[in-house]
Amino acid sequence: MSTDILLVEKKDRVATLTFNRPEKRNSLSQDLLIKIHQTLDNFAREDEIRAVVVRGVGDKAFSSGYDIAAIPTEVSPQTREKLRDQNPLELALNSIVNFPYPVIALLNGYAFGAGCELAVCCDLRIGADDIRMGMPPAKLGLVYQLSGLMRFIQVVGISNTREIFLTGRYYPAPRAKEMGLVDYLLPRQEVEAFAYEMAREIAGNAPLSVKGTKRILNLLSKTITLSDEDRREANRIIAQAFSSEDLKEAQKAFLEKRKPEFKRR
């Protein structure tokens, strides 16, 4: 098996990006996120790929989330410049959202945390009927980034976003579909064929139509806006949680495999 952390295949104007970190349950390391950005950036400039499928290697995990411990090692000068304004996660997620053509998440396993958000950034989500999805920040003492919360609101609505982030639950596939986290659920043995059939159908459509429609839909999704004052308040709340004792307690409890004892400070 290849040791590359991102496997890239191209066939009939459809590209596949496979997260190849099985030992880490396909968690999103900074190097992997940077490679996702660079690959999609290259595809956009070449303008030959008409649809992209993203997936995790194996049949257990699409992605278990953000691997905060992994330090980036392979950064081009151009990407390093972009990282001054965006962290690797935001860089990769924005690359998916802004890729000119549709991106399909093939959910061949569970998608948690940043892995779930990455799936939400895709234009379509097709999953096996035994997957689970969820966002655990509430269980970790974190307040999620403003941009991430806005992405969920745009896809699943504010009511479902409230439930997802306030409970921190991991949802079984039927409930995930009901909430809008996934568009199609199929038996595991059928999900891959279905996803690629849709990718090829999209790739066979008029490029200007598909590209233009995605761009306009992205413009429409920007209707949720905050004032500068509200944005500053949100960022203060996020920073306060990030430096809290509760976050340290949650991390310690996770390592010790016990329930955290939060103290609200």
C-alpha atoms as a PDB file:
ATOM      1  CA  MET A   1       0.000   0.000   0.000  1.00  0.00           C
ATOM      2  CA  SER A   2       1.219   3.494  -0.796  1.00  0.00           C
ATOM      3  CA  THR A   3       2.685   5.536   2.043  1.00  0.00           C
ATOM      4  CA  ASP A   4       1.414   8.819   0.554  1.00  0.00           C
ATOM      5  CA  ILE A   5      -1.011  10.455   2.990  1.00  0.00           C
ATOM      6  CA  LEU A   6      -3.197  11.644   0.080  1.00  0.00           C
ATOM      7  CA  LEU A   7      -3.821   9.266  -2.809  1.00  0.00           C
ATOM      8  CA  VAL A   8      -4.829  10.980  -6.057  1.00  0.00           C
ATOM      9  CA  GLU A   9      -6.453   9.226  -9.025  1.00  0.00           C
ATOM     10  CA  LYS A  10      -7.883  10.720 -12.203  1.00  0.00           C
ATOM     11  CA  LYS A  11     -10.193   8.967 -14.665  1.00  0.00           C
ATOM     12  CA  ASP A  12     -12.663  10.347 -17.210  1.00  0.00           C
ATOM     13  CA  ARG A  13     -12.493  13.898 -15.804  1.00  0.00           C
ATOM     14  CA  VAL A  14     -13.306  12.580 -12.302  1.00  0.00           C
ATOM     15  CA  ALA A  15     -10.617  12.797  -9.613  1.00  0.00           C
ATOM     16  CA  THR A  16     -10.503  10.829  -6.367  1.00  0.00           C
ATOM     17  CA  LEU A  17      -8.727  12.121  -3.272  1.00  0.00           C
ATOM     18  CA  THR A  18      -8.259   9.407  -0.653  1.00  0.00           C
ATOM     19  CA  PHE A  19      -7.130  10.203   2.891  1.00  0.00           C
ATOM     20  CA  ASN A  20      -4.497   7.541   3.527  1.00  0.00           C
ATOM     21  CA  ARG A  21      -3.806   7.504   7.263  1.00  0.00           C
ATOM     22  CA  PRO A  22      -5.436   4.225   8.353  1.00  0.00           C
ATOM     23  CA  GLU A  23      -3.326   3.992  11.501  1.00  0.00           C
ATOM     24  CA  LYS A  24      -4.778   7.354  12.584  1.00  0.00           C
ATOM     25  CA  ARG A  25      -8.330   6.595  11.367  1.00  0.00           C
ATOM     26  CA  ASN A  26      -7.734   9.015   8.477  1.00  0.00           C
ATOM     27  CA  SER A  27      -7.459  11.985  10.817  1.00  0.00           C
ATOM     28  CA  LEU A  28      -6.698  15.279   9.115  1.00  0.00           C
ATOM     29  CA  SER A  29      -3.077  16.153   9.805  1.00  0.00           C
ATOM     30  CA  GLN A  30      -1.794  19.544   8.776  1.00  0.00           C
ATOM     31  CA  ASP A  31       0.306  17.964   6.016  1.00  0.00           C
ATOM     32  CA  LEU A  32      -2.762  16.140   4.679  1.00  0.00           C
ATOM     33  CA  LEU A  33      -4.844  19.318   4.742  1.00  0.00           C
ATOM     34  CA  ILE A  34      -2.136  21.227   2.900  1.00  0.00           C
ATOM     35  CA  LYS A  35      -1.942  18.475   0.265  1.00  0.00           C
ATOM     36  CA  ILE A  36      -5.725  18.649  -0.209  1.00  0.00           C
ATOM     37  CA  HIS A  37      -5.456  22.395  -0.797  1.00  0.00           C
ATOM     38  CA  GLN A  38      -2.500  22.104  -3.183  1.00  0.00           C
ATOM     39  CA  THR A  39      -4.128  19.294  -5.191  1.00  0.00           C
ATOM     40  CA  LEU A  40      -7.431  21.122  -5.618  1.00  0.00           C
ATOM     41  CA  ASP A  41      -5.576  24.337  -6.421  1.00  0.00           C
ATOM     42  CA  ASN A  42      -3.694  22.531  -9.206  1.00  0.00           C
ATOM     43  CA  PHE A  43      -6.907  20.962 -10.522  1.00  0.00           C
ATOM     44  CA  ALA A  44      -8.585  24.384 -10.615  1.00  0.00           C
ATOM     45  CA  ARG A  45      -5.731  25.924 -12.598  1.00  0.00           C
ATOM     46  CA  GLU A  46      -5.594  23.017 -15.072  1.00  0.00           C
ATOM     47  CA  ASP A  47      -9.421  23.077 -15.471  1.00  0.00           C
ATOM     48  CA  GLU A  48      -9.616  19.481 -16.683  1.00  0.00           C
ATOM     49  CA  ILE A  49     -11.289  17.789 -13.696  1.00  0.00           C
ATOM     50  CA  ARG A  50     -15.077  18.192 -13.707  1.00  0.00           C
ATOM     51  CA  ALA A  51     -15.933  16.388 -10.433  1.00  0.00           C
ATOM     52  CA  VAL A  52     -13.980  15.290  -7.363  1.00  0.00           C
ATOM     53  CA  VAL A  53     -14.708  12.432  -4.971  1.00  0.00           C
ATOM     54  CA  VAL A  54     -13.137  12.564  -1.497  1.00  0.00           C
ATOM     55  CA  ARG A  55     -12.993   9.498   0.721  1.00  0.00           C
ATOM     56  CA  GLY A  56     -11.017   7.756   3.435  1.00  0.00           C
ATOM     57  CA  VAL A  57      -8.919   4.660   2.876  1.00  0.00           C
ATOM     58  CA  GLY A  58     -10.407   1.416   4.188  1.00  0.00           C
ATOM     59  CA  ASP A  59     -13.995   0.792   5.243  1.00  0.00           C
ATOM     60  CA  LYS A  60     -14.098   2.108   8.809  1.00  0.00           C
ATOM     61  CA  ALA A  61     -13.339   5.821   8.810  1.00  0.00           C
ATOM     62  CA  PHE A  62     -13.948   8.654   6.382  1.00  0.00           C
ATOM     63  CA  SER A  63     -12.066  10.810   8.896  1.00  0.00           C
ATOM     64  CA  SER A  64     -11.907  10.810  12.694  1.00  0.00           C
ATOM     65  CA  GLY A  65     -11.233  14.549  12.833  1.00  0.00           C
ATOM     66  CA  TYR A  66      -8.391  17.039  13.124  1.00  0.00           C
ATOM     67  CA  ASP A  67      -4.989  15.703  14.171  1.00  0.00           C
ATOM     68  CA  ILE A  68      -3.819  18.741  16.111  1.00  0.00           C
ATOM     69  CA  ALA A  69      -0.570  17.029  17.161  1.00  0.00           C
ATOM     70  CA  ALA A  70       0.792  16.614  13.627  1.00  0.00           C
ATOM     71  CA  ILE A  71       3.156  19.394  12.514  1.00  0.00           C
ATOM     72  CA  PRO A  72       3.319  20.364   8.817  1.00  0.00           C
ATOM     73  CA  THR A  73       6.555  19.455   7.046  1.00  0.00           C
ATOM     74  CA  GLU A  74       5.849  19.950   3.338  1.00  0.00           C
ATOM     75  CA  VAL A  75       4.834  23.534   2.604  1.00  0.00           C
ATOM     76  CA  SER A  76       5.508  25.360  -0.652  1.00  0.00           C
ATOM     77  CA  PRO A  77       6.332  29.097  -0.535  1.00  0.00           C
ATOM     78  CA  GLN A  78       2.965  29.898  -2.135  1.00  0.00           C
ATOM     79  CA  THR A  79       1.073  27.839   0.451  1.00  0.00           C
ATOM     80  CA  ARG A  80       3.146  29.274   3.307  1.00  0.00           C
ATOM     81  CA  GLU A  81       1.968  32.720   2.219  1.00  0.00           C
ATOM     82  CA  LYS A  82      -1.669  31.610   2.372  1.00  0.00           C
ATOM     83  CA  LEU A  83      -1.141  30.057   5.808  1.00  0.00           C
ATOM     84  CA  ARG A  84      -0.437  33.514   7.200  1.00  0.00           C
ATOM     85  CA  ASP A  85      -4.153  34.252   6.939  1.00  0.00           C
ATOM     86  CA  GLN A  86      -5.685  30.764   7.288  1.00  0.00           C
ATOM     87  CA  ASN A  87      -4.793  27.702   9.334  1.00  0.00           C
ATOM     88  CA  PRO A  88      -4.358  24.416   7.390  1.00  0.00           C
ATOM     89  CA  LEU A  89      -7.889  23.253   8.198  1.00  0.00           C
ATOM     90  CA  GLU A  90      -9.529  26.433   6.928  1.00  0.00           C
ATOM     91  CA  LEU A  91      -7.262  26.405   3.879  1.00  0.00           C
ATOM     92  CA  ALA A  92      -8.372  22.891   2.895  1.00  0.00           C
ATOM     93  CA  LEU A  93     -12.054  23.441   3.676  1.00  0.00           C
ATOM     94  CA  ASN A  94     -12.168  26.668   1.679  1.00  0.00           C
ATOM     95  CA  SER A  95     -10.440  24.890  -1.207  1.00  0.00           C
ATOM     96  CA  ILE A  96     -13.275  22.350  -1.272  1.00  0.00           C
ATOM     97  CA  VAL A  97     -16.006  24.979  -1.019  1.00  0.00           C
ATOM     98  CA  ASN A  98     -14.428  27.175  -3.699  1.00  0.00           C
ATOM     99  CA  PHE A  99     -13.301  24.446  -6.090  1.00  0.00           C
ATOM    100  CA  PRO A 100     -14.973  25.413  -9.390  1.00  0.00           C
ATOM    101  CA  TYR A 101     -16.669  22.043  -9.900  1.00  0.00           C
ATOM    102  CA  PRO A 102     -18.688  19.797  -7.557  1.00  0.00           C
ATOM    103  CA  VAL A 103     -16.982  17.812  -4.805  1.00  0.00           C
ATOM    104  CA  ILE A 104     -18.648  14.620  -3.535  1.00  0.00           C
ATOM    105  CA  ALA A 105     -17.950  13.134  -0.091  1.00  0.00           C
ATOM    106  CA  LEU A 106     -18.007   9.340  -0.299  1.00  0.00           C
ATOM    107  CA  LEU A 107     -18.654   8.491   3.344  1.00  0.00           C
ATOM    108  CA  ASN A 108     -17.290   4.965   3.550  1.00  0.00           C
ATOM    109  CA  GLY A 109     -16.977   5.185   7.343  1.00  0.00           C
ATOM    110  CA  TYR A 110     -17.586   7.447  10.308  1.00  0.00           C
ATOM    111  CA  ALA A 111     -16.973  11.198  10.078  1.00  0.00           C
ATOM    112  CA  PHE A 112     -16.334  13.055  13.316  1.00  0.00           C
ATOM    113  CA  GLY A 113     -15.206  16.574  14.188  1.00  0.00           C
ATOM    114  CA  ALA A 114     -13.262  18.260  11.394  1.00  0.00           C
ATOM    115  CA  GLY A 115     -13.907  15.160   9.252  1.00  0.00           C
ATOM    116  CA  CYS A 116     -17.630  15.807   9.579  1.00  0.00           C
ATOM    117  CA  GLU A 117     -17.156  19.479   8.735  1.00  0.00           C
ATOM    118  CA  LEU A 118     -15.096  18.549   5.673  1.00  0.00           C
ATOM    119  CA  ALA A 119     -17.985  16.373   4.485  1.00  0.00           C
ATOM    120  CA  VAL A 120     -20.406  19.260   5.082  1.00  0.00           C
ATOM    121  CA  CYS A 121     -18.191  21.478   2.897  1.00  0.00           C
ATOM    122  CA  CYS A 122     -18.711  19.115  -0.050  1.00  0.00           C
ATOM    123  CA  ASP A 123     -21.495  19.724  -2.540  1.00  0.00           C
ATOM    124  CA  LEU A 124     -22.970  16.230  -2.087  1.00  0.00           C
ATOM    125  CA  ARG A 125     -22.570  13.545   0.586  1.00  0.00           C
ATOM    126  CA  ILE A 126     -23.156   9.881  -0.208  1.00  0.00           C
ATOM    127  CA  GLY A 127     -22.730   7.383   2.605  1.00  0.00           C
ATOM    128  CA  ALA A 128     -22.916   3.753   3.609  1.00  0.00           C
ATOM    129  CA  ASP A 129     -25.970   3.038   5.738  1.00  0.00           C
ATOM    130  CA  ASP A 130     -23.897   2.002   8.768  1.00  0.00           C
ATOM    131  CA  ILE A 131     -21.827   5.178   9.203  1.00  0.00           C
ATOM    132  CA  ARG A 132     -21.942   7.631  12.099  1.00  0.00           C
ATOM    133  CA  MET A 133     -21.389  11.377  12.079  1.00  0.00           C
ATOM    134  CA  GLY A 134     -20.998  13.979  14.787  1.00  0.00           C
ATOM    135  CA  MET A 135     -19.296  17.036  16.252  1.00  0.00           C
ATOM    136  CA  PRO A 136     -17.780  16.627  19.761  1.00  0.00           C
ATOM    137  CA  PRO A 137     -16.634  20.185  20.746  1.00  0.00           C
ATOM    138  CA  ALA A 138     -19.189  20.429  23.598  1.00  0.00           C
ATOM    139  CA  LYS A 139     -17.677  17.313  25.163  1.00  0.00           C
ATOM    140  CA  LEU A 140     -14.170  18.754  24.850  1.00  0.00           C
ATOM    141  CA  GLY A 141     -14.745  22.195  26.326  1.00  0.00           C
ATOM    142  CA  LEU A 142     -14.439  23.970  22.979  1.00  0.00           C
ATOM    143  CA  VAL A 143     -16.551  26.611  21.258  1.00  0.00           C
ATOM    144  CA  TYR A 144     -16.410  25.837  17.549  1.00  0.00           C
ATOM    145  CA  GLN A 145     -15.074  28.324  15.024  1.00  0.00           C
ATOM    146  CA  LEU A 146     -17.555  30.832  13.639  1.00  0.00           C
ATOM    147  CA  SER A 147     -16.915  29.813  10.026  1.00  0.00           C
ATOM    148  CA  GLY A 148     -17.612  26.168  10.865  1.00  0.00           C
ATOM    149  CA  LEU A 149     -20.900  26.929  12.630  1.00  0.00           C
ATOM    150  CA  MET A 150     -21.979  29.015   9.639  1.00  0.00           C
ATOM    151  CA  ARG A 151     -21.221  26.129   7.277  1.00  0.00           C
ATOM    152  CA  PHE A 152     -23.437  23.785   9.286  1.00  0.00           C
ATOM    153  CA  ILE A 153     -26.255  26.333   9.435  1.00  0.00           C
ATOM    154  CA  GLN A 154     -26.126  26.691   5.650  1.00  0.00           C
ATOM    155  CA  VAL A 155     -26.349  22.912   5.123  1.00  0.00           C
ATOM    156  CA  VAL A 156     -28.561  21.542   7.930  1.00  0.00           C
ATOM    157  CA  GLY A 157     -30.286  24.690   9.248  1.00  0.00           C
ATOM    158  CA  ILE A 158     -29.964  26.453  12.571  1.00  0.00           C
ATOM    159  CA  SER A 159     -32.214  24.058  14.518  1.00  0.00           C
ATOM    160  CA  ASN A 160     -30.193  20.972  13.596  1.00  0.00           C
ATOM    161  CA  THR A 161     -26.947  22.895  14.098  1.00  0.00           C
ATOM    162  CA  ARG A 162     -28.070  23.711  17.636  1.00  0.00           C
ATOM    163  CA  GLU A 163     -28.692  20.040  18.394  1.00  0.00           C
ATOM    164  CA  ILE A 164     -25.471  18.834  16.779  1.00  0.00           C
ATOM    165  CA  PHE A 165     -23.226  21.261  18.653  1.00  0.00           C
ATOM    166  CA  LEU A 166     -25.083  21.473  21.977  1.00  0.00           C
ATOM    167  CA  THR A 167     -25.342  17.691  22.464  1.00  0.00           C
ATOM    168  CA  GLY A 168     -22.059  16.587  20.906  1.00  0.00           C
ATOM    169  CA  ARG A 169     -23.800  13.361  19.877  1.00  0.00           C
ATOM    170  CA  TYR A 170     -22.578  10.841  17.317  1.00  0.00           C
ATOM    171  CA  TYR A 171     -25.532  10.198  15.031  1.00  0.00           C
ATOM    172  CA  PRO A 172     -26.354   6.911  13.295  1.00  0.00           C
ATOM    173  CA  ALA A 173     -26.761   7.058   9.534  1.00  0.00           C
ATOM    174  CA  PRO A 174     -30.586   7.350   9.382  1.00  0.00           C
ATOM    175  CA  ARG A 175     -30.648  10.316  11.770  1.00  0.00           C
ATOM    176  CA  ALA A 176     -27.694  11.932   9.981  1.00  0.00           C
ATOM    177  CA  LYS A 177     -29.661  11.749   6.718  1.00  0.00           C
ATOM    178  CA  GLU A 178     -32.796  13.106   8.373  1.00  0.00           C
ATOM    179  CA  MET A 179     -30.814  16.113   9.608  1.00  0.00           C
ATOM    180  CA  GLY A 180     -29.191  16.738   6.222  1.00  0.00           C
ATOM    181  CA  LEU A 181     -25.657  15.720   7.163  1.00  0.00           C
ATOM    182  CA  VAL A 182     -25.776  13.156   4.354  1.00  0.00           C
ATOM    183  CA  ASP A 183     -27.801  13.221   1.129  1.00  0.00           C
ATOM    184  CA  TYR A 184     -27.911   9.521   0.170  1.00  0.00           C
ATOM    185  CA  LEU A 185     -27.542   6.321   2.202  1.00  0.00           C
ATOM    186  CA  LEU A 186     -26.952   2.994   0.499  1.00  0.00           C
ATOM    187  CA  PRO A 187     -25.881  -0.517   1.479  1.00  0.00           C
ATOM    188  CA  ARG A 188     -22.098  -0.565   1.840  1.00  0.00           C
ATOM    189  CA  GLN A 189     -21.624  -2.749  -1.236  1.00  0.00           C
ATOM    190  CA  GLU A 190     -23.518  -0.217  -3.402  1.00  0.00           C
ATOM    191  CA  VAL A 191     -22.279   3.149  -2.148  1.00  0.00           C
ATOM    192  CA  GLU A 192     -19.091   3.374  -4.214  1.00  0.00           C
ATOM    193  CA  ALA A 193     -20.754   2.579  -7.543  1.00  0.00           C
ATOM    194  CA  PHE A 194     -23.539   5.058  -6.818  1.00  0.00           C
ATOM    195  CA  ALA A 195     -21.112   7.855  -5.912  1.00  0.00           C
ATOM    196  CA  TYR A 196     -18.996   7.411  -9.030  1.00  0.00           C
ATOM    197  CA  GLU A 197     -22.035   7.130 -11.273  1.00  0.00           C
ATOM    198  CA  MET A 198     -23.141  10.526  -9.979  1.00  0.00           C
ATOM    199  CA  ALA A 199     -19.635  11.968 -10.352  1.00  0.00           C
ATOM    200  CA  ARG A 200     -19.461  10.819 -13.989  1.00  0.00           C
ATOM    201  CA  GLU A 201     -22.943  12.220 -14.657  1.00  0.00           C
ATOM    202  CA  ILE A 202     -21.873  15.609 -13.296  1.00  0.00           C
ATOM    203  CA  ALA A 203     -18.574  15.488 -15.212  1.00  0.00           C
ATOM    204  CA  GLY A 204     -20.498  14.836 -18.431  1.00  0.00           C
ATOM    205  CA  ASN A 205     -22.615  17.968 -18.113  1.00  0.00           C
ATOM    206  CA  ALA A 206     -21.793  21.339 -19.681  1.00  0.00           C
ATOM    207  CA  PRO A 207     -18.762  22.689 -17.764  1.00  0.00           C
ATOM    208  CA  LEU A 208     -19.809  26.335 -17.919  1.00  0.00           C
ATOM    209  CA  SER A 209     -23.259  25.453 -16.575  1.00  0.00           C
ATOM    210  CA  VAL A 210     -21.971  23.340 -13.677  1.00  0.00           C
ATOM    211  CA  LYS A 211     -19.165  25.764 -12.820  1.00  0.00           C
ATOM    212  CA  GLY A 212     -21.427  28.813 -13.043  1.00  0.00           C
ATOM    213  CA  THR A 213     -24.203  27.229 -10.988  1.00  0.00           C
ATOM    214  CA  LYS A 214     -21.821  26.229  -8.188  1.00  0.00           C
ATOM    215  CA  ARG A 215     -20.361  29.734  -8.104  1.00  0.00           C
ATOM    216  CA  ILE A 216     -23.789  31.378  -7.870  1.00  0.00           C
ATOM    217  CA  LEU A 217     -24.882  28.958  -5.135  1.00  0.00           C
ATOM    218  CA  ASN A 218     -21.736  29.853  -3.197  1.00  0.00           C
ATOM    219  CA  LEU A 219     -22.561  33.544  -3.581  1.00  0.00           C
ATOM    220  CA  LEU A 220     -26.095  32.933  -2.302  1.00  0.00           C
ATOM    221  CA  SER A 221     -24.728  31.069   0.723  1.00  0.00           C
ATOM    222  CA  LYS A 222     -22.999  34.262   1.864  1.00  0.00           C
ATOM    223  CA  THR A 223     -26.296  35.852   2.870  1.00  0.00           C
ATOM    224  CA  ILE A 224     -25.582  35.000   6.535  1.00  0.00           C
ATOM    225  CA  THR A 225     -23.493  37.919   7.763  1.00  0.00           C
ATOM    226  CA  LEU A 226     -22.414  39.345  11.115  1.00  0.00           C
ATOM    227  CA  SER A 227     -21.480  42.871  12.064  1.00  0.00           C
ATOM    228  CA  ASP A 228     -17.863  43.509  12.979  1.00  0.00           C
ATOM    229  CA  GLU A 229     -18.894  43.927  16.620  1.00  0.00           C
ATOM    230  CA  ASP A 230     -20.750  40.583  16.672  1.00  0.00           C
ATOM    231  CA  ARG A 231     -17.817  38.859  14.975  1.00  0.00           C
ATOM    232  CA  ARG A 232     -15.407  40.249  17.590  1.00  0.00           C
ATOM    233  CA  GLU A 233     -17.688  39.021  20.383  1.00  0.00           C
ATOM    234  CA  ALA A 234     -17.872  35.541  18.844  1.00  0.00           C
ATOM    235  CA  ASN A 235     -14.093  35.384  18.551  1.00  0.00           C
ATOM    236  CA  ARG A 236     -13.711  36.440  22.204  1.00  0.00           C
ATOM    237  CA  ILE A 237     -16.041  33.623  23.285  1.00  0.00           C
ATOM    238  CA  ILE A 238     -14.073  31.084  21.228  1.00  0.00           C
ATOM    239  CA  ALA A 239     -10.742  32.298  22.630  1.00  0.00           C
ATOM    240  CA  GLN A 240     -12.050  32.199  26.210  1.00  0.00           C
ATOM    241  CA  ALA A 241     -13.088  28.547  25.853  1.00  0.00           C
ATOM    242  CA  PHE A 242      -9.788  27.646  24.197  1.00  0.00           C
ATOM    243  CA  SER A 243      -7.826  28.910  27.221  1.00  0.00           C
ATOM    244  CA  SER A 244     -10.175  27.478  29.851  1.00  0.00           C
ATOM    245  CA  GLU A 245      -9.473  24.940  32.591  1.00  0.00           C
ATOM    246  CA  ASP A 246     -12.430  22.931  31.273  1.00  0.00           C
ATOM    247  CA  LEU A 247     -10.596  22.329  27.983  1.00  0.00           C
ATOM    248  CA  LYS A 248      -7.535  21.029  29.845  1.00  0.00           C
ATOM    249  CA  GLU A 249      -9.792  18.805  31.969  1.00  0.00           C
ATOM    250  CA  ALA A 250     -11.519  17.427  28.865  1.00  0.00           C
ATOM    251  CA  GLN A 251      -8.170  16.570  27.266  1.00  0.00           C
ATOM    252  CA  LYS A 252      -6.958  14.889  30.448  1.00  0.00           C
ATOM    253  CA  ALA A 253     -10.205  12.932  30.830  1.00  0.00           C
ATOM    254  CA  PHE A 254      -9.993  11.749  27.225  1.00  0.00           C
ATOM    255  CA  LEU A 255      -6.497  10.356  27.787  1.00  0.00           C
ATOM    256  CA  GLU A 256      -7.569   8.745  31.070  1.00  0.00           C
ATOM    257  CA  LYS A 257     -10.735   7.316  29.470  1.00  0.00           C
ATOM    258  CA  ARG A 258     -13.114   8.867  32.018  1.00  0.00           C
ATOM    259  CA  LYS A 259     -15.922  11.414  32.073  1.00  0.00           C
ATOM    260  CA  PRO A 260     -14.643  15.007  32.485  1.00  0.00           C
ATOM    261  CA  GLU A 261     -15.600  17.098  35.514  1.00  0.00           C
ATOM    262  CA  PHE A 262     -16.245  20.587  34.159  1.00  0.00           C
ATOM    263  CA  LYS A 263     -15.955  23.572  36.516  1.00  0.00           C
ATOM    264  CA  ARG A 264     -17.187  26.341  34.212  1.00  0.00           C
ATOM    265  CA  ARG A 265     -13.877  28.166  34.160  1.00  0.00           C
END
